[in-house]
Amino acid sequence: MKIEFDEDTCIGMYQCVAEWGDGFEKDKDTGKAVLLEADEPEDGVYVREIPEDAELDAKFAARTCPVDAIRVYDDDGEQIIP
């Protein structure tokens, strides 16, 4: 399972940090969240594997994002959230 975070869409509400503190952190300098341990395959878009023990937290982080800056994909590459 993978998570994708679009930094440009993020408005810095930090709901994702509250839901998955091991996956996201606050960057108060930019006013945006940061997806930890992520690669940047395209400018401003970050992707990482979700550890099995964090799948529920990652899903909640995606669901609580007020601007849908976070997407979750299953192992087949199908988007499951949002």
PDB file of N, CA and C in Angstrom:
ATOM      1  N   MET A   1       0.853  -1.169   0.000  1.00  0.00           N
ATOM      2  CA  MET A   1       0.000   0.000   0.000  1.00  0.00           C
ATOM      3  C   MET A   1       0.902   1.237   0.000  1.00  0.00           C
ATOM      4  N   LYS A   2       0.524   2.232  -0.797  1.00  0.00           N
ATOM      5  CA  LYS A   2       1.304   3.470  -0.904  1.00  0.00           C
ATOM      6  C   LYS A   2       0.446   4.679  -0.564  1.00  0.00           C
ATOM      7  N   ILE A   3       1.123   5.726  -0.136  1.00  0.00           N
ATOM      8  CA  ILE A   3       0.461   7.003   0.123  1.00  0.00           C
ATOM      9  C   ILE A   3       1.147   8.060  -0.724  1.00  0.00           C
ATOM     10  N   GLU A   4       0.344   8.965  -1.259  1.00  0.00           N
ATOM     11  CA  GLU A   4       0.845  10.054  -2.100  1.00  0.00           C
ATOM     12  C   GLU A   4       0.366  11.373  -1.502  1.00  0.00           C
ATOM     13  N   PHE A   5       1.267  12.327  -1.417  1.00  0.00           N
ATOM     14  CA  PHE A   5       0.969  13.619  -0.809  1.00  0.00           C
ATOM     15  C   PHE A   5       1.331  14.733  -1.781  1.00  0.00           C
ATOM     16  N   ASP A   6       0.364  15.588  -2.091  1.00  0.00           N
ATOM     17  CA  ASP A   6       0.572  16.727  -2.992  1.00  0.00           C
ATOM     18  C   ASP A   6       0.790  17.980  -2.142  1.00  0.00           C
ATOM     19  N   GLU A   7       2.037  18.379  -2.023  1.00  0.00           N
ATOM     20  CA  GLU A   7       2.401  19.504  -1.170  1.00  0.00           C
ATOM     21  C   GLU A   7       1.765  20.816  -1.631  1.00  0.00           C
ATOM     22  N   ASP A   8       1.624  20.995  -2.931  1.00  0.00           N
ATOM     23  CA  ASP A   8       1.042  22.238  -3.450  1.00  0.00           C
ATOM     24  C   ASP A   8      -0.428  22.390  -3.056  1.00  0.00           C
ATOM     25  N   THR A   9      -1.131  21.282  -2.915  1.00  0.00           N
ATOM     26  CA  THR A   9      -2.543  21.314  -2.538  1.00  0.00           C
ATOM     27  C   THR A   9      -2.724  21.539  -1.040  1.00  0.00           C
ATOM     28  N   CYS A  10      -1.756  21.113  -0.256  1.00  0.00           N
ATOM     29  CA  CYS A  10      -1.823  21.209   1.210  1.00  0.00           C
ATOM     30  C   CYS A  10      -2.020  22.659   1.661  1.00  0.00           C
ATOM     31  N   ILE A  11      -2.924  22.851   2.632  1.00  0.00           N
ATOM     32  CA  ILE A  11      -3.168  24.192   3.186  1.00  0.00           C
ATOM     33  C   ILE A  11      -2.725  24.297   4.646  1.00  0.00           C
ATOM     34  N   GLY A  12      -2.035  23.269   5.142  1.00  0.00           N
ATOM     35  CA  GLY A  12      -1.454  23.341   6.473  1.00  0.00           C
ATOM     36  C   GLY A  12      -2.418  23.248   7.636  1.00  0.00           C
ATOM     37  N   MET A  13      -3.450  22.457   7.503  1.00  0.00           N
ATOM     38  CA  MET A  13      -4.365  22.237   8.626  1.00  0.00           C
ATOM     39  C   MET A  13      -3.804  21.189   9.590  1.00  0.00           C
ATOM     40  N   TYR A  14      -2.851  20.395   9.121  1.00  0.00           N
ATOM     41  CA  TYR A  14      -2.128  19.396   9.922  1.00  0.00           C
ATOM     42  C   TYR A  14      -3.016  18.306  10.504  1.00  0.00           C
ATOM     43  N   GLN A  15      -4.156  18.056   9.897  1.00  0.00           N
ATOM     44  CA  GLN A  15      -5.010  16.946  10.322  1.00  0.00           C
ATOM     45  C   GLN A  15      -4.265  15.626  10.140  1.00  0.00           C
ATOM     46  N   CYS A  16      -3.467  15.541   9.078  1.00  0.00           N
ATOM     47  CA  CYS A  16      -2.707  14.322   8.803  1.00  0.00           C
ATOM     48  C   CYS A  16      -1.689  14.043   9.902  1.00  0.00           C
ATOM     49  N   VAL A  17      -1.093  15.097  10.432  1.00  0.00           N
ATOM     50  CA  VAL A  17      -0.113  14.946  11.515  1.00  0.00           C
ATOM     51  C   VAL A  17      -0.802  14.396  12.761  1.00  0.00           C
ATOM     52  N   ALA A  18      -1.993  14.886  13.035  1.00  0.00           N
ATOM     53  CA  ALA A  18      -2.745  14.409  14.195  1.00  0.00           C
ATOM     54  C   ALA A  18      -3.126  12.931  14.044  1.00  0.00           C
ATOM     55  N   GLU A  19      -3.421  12.506  12.814  1.00  0.00           N
ATOM     56  CA  GLU A  19      -3.852  11.124  12.584  1.00  0.00           C
ATOM     57  C   GLU A  19      -2.692  10.151  12.426  1.00  0.00           C
ATOM     58  N   TRP A  20      -1.604  10.609  11.802  1.00  0.00           N
ATOM     59  CA  TRP A  20      -0.464   9.708  11.573  1.00  0.00           C
ATOM     60  C   TRP A  20       0.827  10.480  11.828  1.00  0.00           C
ATOM     61  N   GLY A  21       1.121  10.669  13.097  1.00  0.00           N
ATOM     62  CA  GLY A  21       2.295  11.439  13.504  1.00  0.00           C
ATOM     63  C   GLY A  21       3.620  10.812  13.133  1.00  0.00           C
ATOM     64  N   ASP A  22       3.640   9.502  12.856  1.00  0.00           N
ATOM     65  CA  ASP A  22       4.871   8.852  12.415  1.00  0.00           C
ATOM     66  C   ASP A  22       5.058   8.968  10.907  1.00  0.00           C
ATOM     67  N   GLY A  23       4.034   9.436  10.215  1.00  0.00           N
ATOM     68  CA  GLY A  23       4.101   9.554   8.760  1.00  0.00           C
ATOM     69  C   GLY A  23       4.184  10.980   8.271  1.00  0.00           C
ATOM     70  N   PHE A  24       3.611  11.890   9.055  1.00  0.00           N
ATOM     71  CA  PHE A  24       3.607  13.311   8.682  1.00  0.00           C
ATOM     72  C   PHE A  24       4.141  14.156   9.833  1.00  0.00           C
ATOM     73  N   GLU A  25       4.707  15.294   9.477  1.00  0.00           N
ATOM     74  CA  GLU A  25       5.105  16.270  10.486  1.00  0.00           C
ATOM     75  C   GLU A  25       4.791  17.671   9.976  1.00  0.00           C
ATOM     76  N   LYS A  26       4.744  18.611  10.906  1.00  0.00           N
ATOM     77  CA  LYS A  26       4.484  20.016  10.567  1.00  0.00           C
ATOM     78  C   LYS A  26       5.768  20.678  10.099  1.00  0.00           C
ATOM     79  N   ASP A  27       5.662  21.487   9.051  1.00  0.00           N
ATOM     80  CA  ASP A  27       6.753  22.371   8.638  1.00  0.00           C
ATOM     81  C   ASP A  27       6.211  23.788   8.798  1.00  0.00           C
ATOM     82  N   LYS A  28       6.492  24.373   9.939  1.00  0.00           N
ATOM     83  CA  LYS A  28       5.935  25.692  10.230  1.00  0.00           C
ATOM     84  C   LYS A  28       6.553  26.786   9.367  1.00  0.00           C
ATOM     85  N   ASP A  29       7.725  26.542   8.788  1.00  0.00           N
ATOM     86  CA  ASP A  29       8.340  27.527   7.894  1.00  0.00           C
ATOM     87  C   ASP A  29       7.546  27.677   6.596  1.00  0.00           C
ATOM     88  N   THR A  30       7.045  26.545   6.081  1.00  0.00           N
ATOM     89  CA  THR A  30       6.289  26.592   4.822  1.00  0.00           C
ATOM     90  C   THR A  30       4.784  26.618   5.059  1.00  0.00           C
ATOM     91  N   GLY A  31       4.359  26.266   6.274  1.00  0.00           N
ATOM     92  CA  GLY A  31       2.929  26.191   6.556  1.00  0.00           C
ATOM     93  C   GLY A  31       2.273  24.984   5.926  1.00  0.00           C
ATOM     94  N   LYS A  32       3.064  23.963   5.682  1.00  0.00           N
ATOM     95  CA  LYS A  32       2.572  22.742   5.033  1.00  0.00           C
ATOM     96  C   LYS A  32       2.992  21.533   5.857  1.00  0.00           C
ATOM     97  N   ALA A  33       2.328  20.422   5.622  1.00  0.00           N
ATOM     98  CA  ALA A  33       2.746  19.157   6.206  1.00  0.00           C
ATOM     99  C   ALA A  33       3.874  18.575   5.356  1.00  0.00           C
ATOM    100  N   VAL A  34       4.598  17.628   5.936  1.00  0.00           N
ATOM    101  CA  VAL A  34       5.671  16.919   5.245  1.00  0.00           C
ATOM    102  C   VAL A  34       5.420  15.428   5.402  1.00  0.00           C
ATOM    103  N   LEU A  35       5.444  14.695   4.290  1.00  0.00           N
ATOM    104  CA  LEU A  35       5.347  13.247   4.333  1.00  0.00           C
ATOM    105  C   LEU A  35       6.746  12.705   4.564  1.00  0.00           C
ATOM    106  N   LEU A  36       6.946  12.080   5.711  1.00  0.00           N
ATOM    107  CA  LEU A  36       8.263  11.602   6.102  1.00  0.00           C
ATOM    108  C   LEU A  36       8.680  10.368   5.303  1.00  0.00           C
ATOM    109  N   GLU A  37       9.996  10.227   5.102  1.00  0.00           N
ATOM    110  CA  GLU A  37      10.583   9.066   4.423  1.00  0.00           C
ATOM    111  C   GLU A  37      10.018   8.853   3.021  1.00  0.00           C
ATOM    112  N   ALA A  38       9.709   9.938   2.327  1.00  0.00           N
ATOM    113  CA  ALA A  38       9.071   9.845   1.014  1.00  0.00           C
ATOM    114  C   ALA A  38      10.030  10.214  -0.110  1.00  0.00           C
ATOM    115  N   ASP A  39       9.767   9.661  -1.275  1.00  0.00           N
ATOM    116  CA  ASP A  39      10.449  10.042  -2.508  1.00  0.00           C
ATOM    117  C   ASP A  39       9.612  11.116  -3.185  1.00  0.00           C
ATOM    118  N   GLU A  40      10.243  11.887  -4.067  1.00  0.00           N
ATOM    119  CA  GLU A  40       9.541  12.933  -4.809  1.00  0.00           C
ATOM    120  C   GLU A  40       9.630  12.616  -6.307  1.00  0.00           C
ATOM    121  N   PRO A  41       8.724  11.747  -6.816  1.00  0.00           N
ATOM    122  CA  PRO A  41       8.797  11.357  -8.222  1.00  0.00           C
ATOM    123  C   PRO A  41       8.471  12.488  -9.194  1.00  0.00           C
ATOM    124  N   GLU A  42       7.713  13.456  -8.737  1.00  0.00           N
ATOM    125  CA  GLU A  42       7.471  14.659  -9.541  1.00  0.00           C
ATOM    126  C   GLU A  42       7.444  15.847  -8.594  1.00  0.00           C
ATOM    127  N   ASP A  43       7.651  17.016  -9.129  1.00  0.00           N
ATOM    128  CA  ASP A  43       7.793  18.222  -8.321  1.00  0.00           C
ATOM    129  C   ASP A  43       6.593  18.443  -7.403  1.00  0.00           C
ATOM    130  N   GLY A  44       6.840  18.451  -6.094  1.00  0.00           N
ATOM    131  CA  GLY A  44       5.789  18.728  -5.123  1.00  0.00           C
ATOM    132  C   GLY A  44       4.887  17.562  -4.774  1.00  0.00           C
ATOM    133  N   VAL A  45       5.145  16.387  -5.343  1.00  0.00           N
ATOM    134  CA  VAL A  45       4.356  15.192  -5.051  1.00  0.00           C
ATOM    135  C   VAL A  45       5.274  14.158  -4.412  1.00  0.00           C
ATOM    136  N   TYR A  46       4.883  13.682  -3.244  1.00  0.00           N
ATOM    137  CA  TYR A  46       5.711  12.770  -2.463  1.00  0.00           C
ATOM    138  C   TYR A  46       4.988  11.444  -2.284  1.00  0.00           C
ATOM    139  N   VAL A  47       5.746  10.344  -2.347  1.00  0.00           N
ATOM    140  CA  VAL A  47       5.175   9.010  -2.287  1.00  0.00           C
ATOM    141  C   VAL A  47       6.035   8.136  -1.376  1.00  0.00           C
ATOM    142  N   ARG A  48       5.363   7.272  -0.615  1.00  0.00           N
ATOM    143  CA  ARG A  48       6.086   6.284   0.186  1.00  0.00           C
ATOM    144  C   ARG A  48       5.207   5.068   0.423  1.00  0.00           C
ATOM    145  N   GLU A  49       5.846   3.979   0.761  1.00  0.00           N
ATOM    146  CA  GLU A  49       5.145   2.771   1.172  1.00  0.00           C
ATOM    147  C   GLU A  49       4.588   3.003   2.565  1.00  0.00           C
ATOM    148  N   ILE A  50       3.430   2.435   2.830  1.00  0.00           N
ATOM    149  CA  ILE A  50       2.829   2.512   4.155  1.00  0.00           C
ATOM    150  C   ILE A  50       3.175   1.219   4.895  1.00  0.00           C
ATOM    151  N   PRO A  51       3.819   1.310   6.052  1.00  0.00           N
ATOM    152  CA  PRO A  51       4.079   0.101   6.819  1.00  0.00           C
ATOM    153  C   PRO A  51       2.755  -0.585   7.192  1.00  0.00           C
ATOM    154  N   GLU A  52       2.763  -1.907   7.232  1.00  0.00           N
ATOM    155  CA  GLU A  52       1.529  -2.638   7.514  1.00  0.00           C
ATOM    156  C   GLU A  52       0.882  -2.214   8.822  1.00  0.00           C
ATOM    157  N   ASP A  53       1.691  -1.917   9.820  1.00  0.00           N
ATOM    158  CA  ASP A  53       1.126  -1.544  11.119  1.00  0.00           C
ATOM    159  C   ASP A  53       0.610  -0.109  11.155  1.00  0.00           C
ATOM    160  N   ALA A  54       0.776   0.631  10.047  1.00  0.00           N
ATOM    161  CA  ALA A  54       0.330   2.022   9.995  1.00  0.00           C
ATOM    162  C   ALA A  54      -0.765   2.257   8.961  1.00  0.00           C
ATOM    163  N   GLU A  55      -1.265   1.190   8.350  1.00  0.00           N
ATOM    164  CA  GLU A  55      -2.251   1.355   7.280  1.00  0.00           C
ATOM    165  C   GLU A  55      -3.500   2.104   7.738  1.00  0.00           C
ATOM    166  N   LEU A  56      -4.025   1.778   8.899  1.00  0.00           N
ATOM    167  CA  LEU A  56      -5.226   2.442   9.392  1.00  0.00           C
ATOM    168  C   LEU A  56      -4.965   3.927   9.650  1.00  0.00           C
ATOM    169  N   ASP A  57      -3.836   4.243  10.274  1.00  0.00           N
ATOM    170  CA  ASP A  57      -3.490   5.645  10.537  1.00  0.00           C
ATOM    171  C   ASP A  57      -3.313   6.425   9.240  1.00  0.00           C
ATOM    172  N   ALA A  58      -2.672   5.821   8.256  1.00  0.00           N
ATOM    173  CA  ALA A  58      -2.468   6.488   6.967  1.00  0.00           C
ATOM    174  C   ALA A  58      -3.799   6.748   6.271  1.00  0.00           C
ATOM    175  N   LYS A  59      -4.700   5.798   6.342  1.00  0.00           N
ATOM    176  CA  LYS A  59      -6.029   5.972   5.740  1.00  0.00           C
ATOM    177  C   LYS A  59      -6.786   7.107   6.429  1.00  0.00           C
ATOM    178  N   PHE A  60      -6.713   7.157   7.752  1.00  0.00           N
ATOM    179  CA  PHE A  60      -7.377   8.247   8.478  1.00  0.00           C
ATOM    180  C   PHE A  60      -6.754   9.591   8.115  1.00  0.00           C
ATOM    181  N   ALA A  61      -5.431   9.634   7.967  1.00  0.00           N
ATOM    182  CA  ALA A  61      -4.763  10.873   7.575  1.00  0.00           C
ATOM    183  C   ALA A  61      -5.293  11.362   6.236  1.00  0.00           C
ATOM    184  N   ALA A  62      -5.457  10.454   5.291  1.00  0.00           N
ATOM    185  CA  ALA A  62      -5.978  10.820   3.969  1.00  0.00           C
ATOM    186  C   ALA A  62      -7.430  11.277   4.046  1.00  0.00           C
ATOM    187  N   ARG A  63      -8.218  10.581   4.827  1.00  0.00           N
ATOM    188  CA  ARG A  63      -9.642  10.922   4.925  1.00  0.00           C
ATOM    189  C   ARG A  63      -9.887  12.254   5.614  1.00  0.00           C
ATOM    190  N   THR A  64      -9.015  12.632   6.529  1.00  0.00           N
ATOM    191  CA  THR A  64      -9.237  13.876   7.271  1.00  0.00           C
ATOM    192  C   THR A  64      -8.685  15.109   6.563  1.00  0.00           C
ATOM    193  N   CYS A  65      -7.922  14.921   5.498  1.00  0.00           N
ATOM    194  CA  CYS A  65      -7.374  16.078   4.780  1.00  0.00           C
ATOM    195  C   CYS A  65      -8.517  16.872   4.146  1.00  0.00           C
ATOM    196  N   PRO A  66      -8.674  18.141   4.522  1.00  0.00           N
ATOM    197  CA  PRO A  66      -9.818  18.919   4.029  1.00  0.00           C
ATOM    198  C   PRO A  66      -9.736  19.284   2.547  1.00  0.00           C
ATOM    199  N   VAL A  67      -8.561  19.143   1.932  1.00  0.00           N
ATOM    200  CA  VAL A  67      -8.416  19.519   0.520  1.00  0.00           C
ATOM    201  C   VAL A  67      -7.992  18.341  -0.358  1.00  0.00           C
ATOM    202  N   ASP A  68      -8.089  17.123   0.165  1.00  0.00           N
ATOM    203  CA  ASP A  68      -7.741  15.907  -0.585  1.00  0.00           C
ATOM    204  C   ASP A  68      -6.337  15.952  -1.171  1.00  0.00           C
ATOM    205  N   ALA A  69      -5.375  16.411  -0.371  1.00  0.00           N
ATOM    206  CA  ALA A  69      -3.982  16.448  -0.809  1.00  0.00           C
ATOM    207  C   ALA A  69      -3.299  15.093  -0.635  1.00  0.00           C
ATOM    208  N   ILE A  70      -4.006  14.134  -0.031  1.00  0.00           N
ATOM    209  CA  ILE A  70      -3.433  12.828   0.270  1.00  0.00           C
ATOM    210  C   ILE A  70      -4.285  11.750  -0.383  1.00  0.00           C
ATOM    211  N   ARG A  71      -3.604  10.848  -1.082  1.00  0.00           N
ATOM    212  CA  ARG A  71      -4.282   9.726  -1.718  1.00  0.00           C
ATOM    213  C   ARG A  71      -3.613   8.429  -1.272  1.00  0.00           C
ATOM    214  N   VAL A  72      -4.400   7.379  -1.125  1.00  0.00           N
ATOM    215  CA  VAL A  72      -3.887   6.075  -0.742  1.00  0.00           C
ATOM    216  C   VAL A  72      -4.184   5.093  -1.871  1.00  0.00           C
ATOM    217  N   TYR A  73      -3.190   4.253  -2.197  1.00  0.00           N
ATOM    218  CA  TYR A  73      -3.306   3.267  -3.264  1.00  0.00           C
ATOM    219  C   TYR A  73      -3.071   1.873  -2.692  1.00  0.00           C
ATOM    220  N   ASP A  74      -3.857   0.909  -3.176  1.00  0.00           N
ATOM    221  CA  ASP A  74      -3.645  -0.471  -2.735  1.00  0.00           C
ATOM    222  C   ASP A  74      -2.438  -1.051  -3.457  1.00  0.00           C
ATOM    223  N   ASP A  75      -2.139  -2.314  -3.173  1.00  0.00           N
ATOM    224  CA  ASP A  75      -0.952  -2.957  -3.746  1.00  0.00           C
ATOM    225  C   ASP A  75      -1.045  -3.158  -5.261  1.00  0.00           C
ATOM    226  N   ASP A  76      -2.245  -3.057  -5.808  1.00  0.00           N
ATOM    227  CA  ASP A  76      -2.418  -3.167  -7.267  1.00  0.00           C
ATOM    228  C   ASP A  76      -2.354  -1.806  -7.949  1.00  0.00           C
ATOM    229  N   GLY A  77      -2.127  -0.743  -7.173  1.00  0.00           N
ATOM    230  CA  GLY A  77      -2.036   0.594  -7.752  1.00  0.00           C
ATOM    231  C   GLY A  77      -3.364   1.300  -7.908  1.00  0.00           C
ATOM    232  N   GLU A  78      -4.433   0.706  -7.389  1.00  0.00           N
ATOM    233  CA  GLU A  78      -5.759   1.323  -7.462  1.00  0.00           C
ATOM    234  C   GLU A  78      -5.929   2.317  -6.325  1.00  0.00           C
ATOM    235  N   GLN A  79      -6.406   3.503  -6.651  1.00  0.00           N
ATOM    236  CA  GLN A  79      -6.647   4.521  -5.628  1.00  0.00           C
ATOM    237  C   GLN A  79      -7.841   4.094  -4.786  1.00  0.00           C
ATOM    238  N   ILE A  80      -7.653   4.074  -3.454  1.00  0.00           N
ATOM    239  CA  ILE A  80      -8.752   3.691  -2.575  1.00  0.00           C
ATOM    240  C   ILE A  80      -9.236   4.842  -1.707  1.00  0.00           C
ATOM    241  N   ILE A  81      -8.414   5.889  -1.541  1.00  0.00           N
ATOM    242  CA  ILE A  81      -8.802   7.080  -0.766  1.00  0.00           C
ATOM    243  C   ILE A  81      -8.167   8.283  -1.431  1.00  0.00           C
ATOM    244  N   PRO A  82      -8.808   9.391  -1.582  1.00  0.00           N
ATOM    245  CA  PRO A  82     -10.228   9.642  -1.432  1.00  0.00           C
ATOM    246  C   PRO A  82     -11.019   9.118  -2.597  1.00  0.00           C
TER     247      PRO A  82
END
